[in-house]
Amino acid sequence: MAEITGVFTCRLKPDADADQFEQFMRAELLPAYRDLPGCLAANLLHASKGSTPDEYISISRWESIEANDAVFGPDGQLPPAYAAAQDKLYDFVAEAKWVGYAPC
């Protein structure tokens, strides 16, 4: 099984505070994400240049596509701590999109 990298993008709501969003991501969501079985790393990038200052990218690395599917696939059960943090994400985010994954 080959490691994979996954990409997720999001755009903040117009009234969202970017500093509070970044603090939430660093303190709550990313640590909960990193604790998911099979997740090797998760990071947040900010689109700080160009015409999209309200956009962010999250990049995660997984042991395998099977490990990712076990968590996020149709039969996956999100651990309660992650599910609660993920729910808070939409306090900040207007649009979120799973872009895809590729082998590392």
Protein backbone atom coordinates (compact mmCIF):
# COMPACT_ATOMS: atom_id res chain seq x y z
CA MET A 1 0.00 0.00 0.00
CA ALA A 2 1.42 3.34 -1.06
CA GLU A 3 1.20 6.54 0.94
CA ILE A 4 -1.10 9.20 -0.49
CA THR A 5 -1.42 12.96 -0.18
CA GLY A 6 -4.90 14.49 -0.05
CA VAL A 7 -5.92 18.07 -0.81
CA PHE A 8 -8.91 19.94 0.59
CA THR A 9 -9.72 23.59 -0.13
CA CYS A 10 -12.01 26.04 1.62
CA ARG A 11 -13.11 29.65 1.35
CA LEU A 12 -14.02 31.68 4.42
CA LYS A 13 -17.38 33.34 4.92
CA PRO A 14 -17.19 37.11 4.28
CA ASP A 15 -17.70 37.86 7.98
CA ALA A 16 -15.31 35.17 9.27
CA ASP A 17 -12.26 36.28 11.23
CA ALA A 18 -9.21 34.74 9.52
CA ASP A 19 -7.10 34.81 12.70
CA GLN A 20 -9.80 32.96 14.66
CA PHE A 21 -10.16 30.44 11.83
CA GLU A 22 -6.43 29.76 11.74
CA GLN A 23 -6.34 29.42 15.55
CA PHE A 24 -9.26 26.96 15.42
CA MET A 25 -7.54 24.93 12.72
CA ARG A 26 -4.22 24.77 14.58
CA ALA A 27 -5.70 24.14 18.03
CA GLU A 28 -8.66 21.88 17.24
CA LEU A 29 -9.29 20.56 13.75
CA LEU A 30 -5.78 19.70 12.57
CA PRO A 31 -4.83 17.90 15.82
CA ALA A 32 -8.09 15.91 15.65
CA TYR A 33 -7.36 15.13 11.98
CA ARG A 34 -3.83 13.97 12.78
CA ASP A 35 -5.28 11.59 15.38
CA LEU A 36 -7.38 9.78 12.77
CA PRO A 37 -6.23 6.20 12.12
CA GLY A 38 -3.84 6.15 9.18
CA CYS A 39 -3.24 9.91 9.02
CA LEU A 40 0.48 10.69 8.99
CA ALA A 41 0.33 14.50 8.73
CA ALA A 42 -2.06 17.40 8.17
CA ASN A 43 -1.16 21.01 7.42
CA LEU A 44 -2.90 24.27 6.57
CA LEU A 45 -1.76 26.64 3.83
CA HIS A 46 -3.11 30.16 3.30
CA ALA A 47 -3.52 31.65 -0.16
CA SER A 48 -1.89 34.89 0.93
CA LYS A 49 -1.04 36.19 -2.54
CA GLY A 50 -3.19 36.94 -5.52
CA SER A 51 -6.92 37.50 -5.62
CA THR A 52 -7.95 34.82 -3.11
CA PRO A 53 -6.88 35.92 0.38
CA ASP A 54 -9.91 34.16 1.92
CA GLU A 55 -8.91 30.73 0.57
CA TYR A 56 -7.05 27.99 2.40
CA ILE A 57 -5.68 24.60 1.45
CA SER A 58 -5.30 21.66 3.79
CA ILE A 59 -2.86 18.95 2.77
CA SER A 60 -2.84 15.59 4.49
CA ARG A 61 -0.67 12.51 4.14
CA TRP A 62 -2.08 9.03 4.70
CA GLU A 63 -0.64 5.53 5.06
CA SER A 64 -2.73 4.44 2.06
CA ILE A 65 -5.94 5.10 0.18
CA GLU A 66 -7.42 2.20 2.14
CA ALA A 67 -6.63 3.97 5.43
CA ASN A 68 -8.29 7.16 4.15
CA ASP A 69 -11.32 5.23 2.90
CA ALA A 70 -11.67 3.46 6.25
CA VAL A 71 -12.24 6.88 7.85
CA PHE A 72 -13.99 8.86 5.10
CA GLY A 73 -15.46 6.13 2.89
CA PRO A 74 -19.16 5.21 2.92
CA ASP A 75 -18.65 2.76 5.80
CA GLY A 76 -16.27 4.99 7.76
CA GLN A 77 -17.23 6.19 11.21
CA LEU A 78 -15.71 9.51 12.17
CA PRO A 79 -14.34 9.52 15.71
CA PRO A 80 -16.49 11.83 17.89
CA ALA A 81 -13.65 14.28 18.63
CA TYR A 82 -12.99 14.79 14.92
CA ALA A 83 -16.69 14.98 14.02
CA ALA A 84 -17.23 17.71 16.63
CA ALA A 85 -14.25 19.73 15.37
CA GLN A 86 -15.36 19.28 11.75
CA ASP A 87 -18.82 20.65 12.62
CA LYS A 88 -17.19 23.85 13.95
CA LEU A 89 -15.39 24.29 10.62
CA TYR A 90 -18.60 25.53 9.03
CA ASP A 91 -18.84 28.38 11.54
CA PHE A 92 -16.00 29.89 9.46
CA VAL A 93 -16.24 28.33 6.01
CA ALA A 94 -18.60 29.29 3.18
CA GLU A 95 -17.39 26.65 0.75
CA ALA A 96 -15.32 23.52 1.19
CA LYS A 97 -14.17 21.06 -1.44
CA TRP A 98 -12.25 17.80 -1.44
CA VAL A 99 -9.90 18.16 -4.43
CA GLY A 100 -8.47 14.66 -4.49
CA TYR A 101 -5.42 12.61 -3.69
CA ALA A 102 -2.27 11.30 -5.33
CA PRO A 103 0.40 8.76 -4.43
CA CYS A 104 3.37 10.23 -2.57
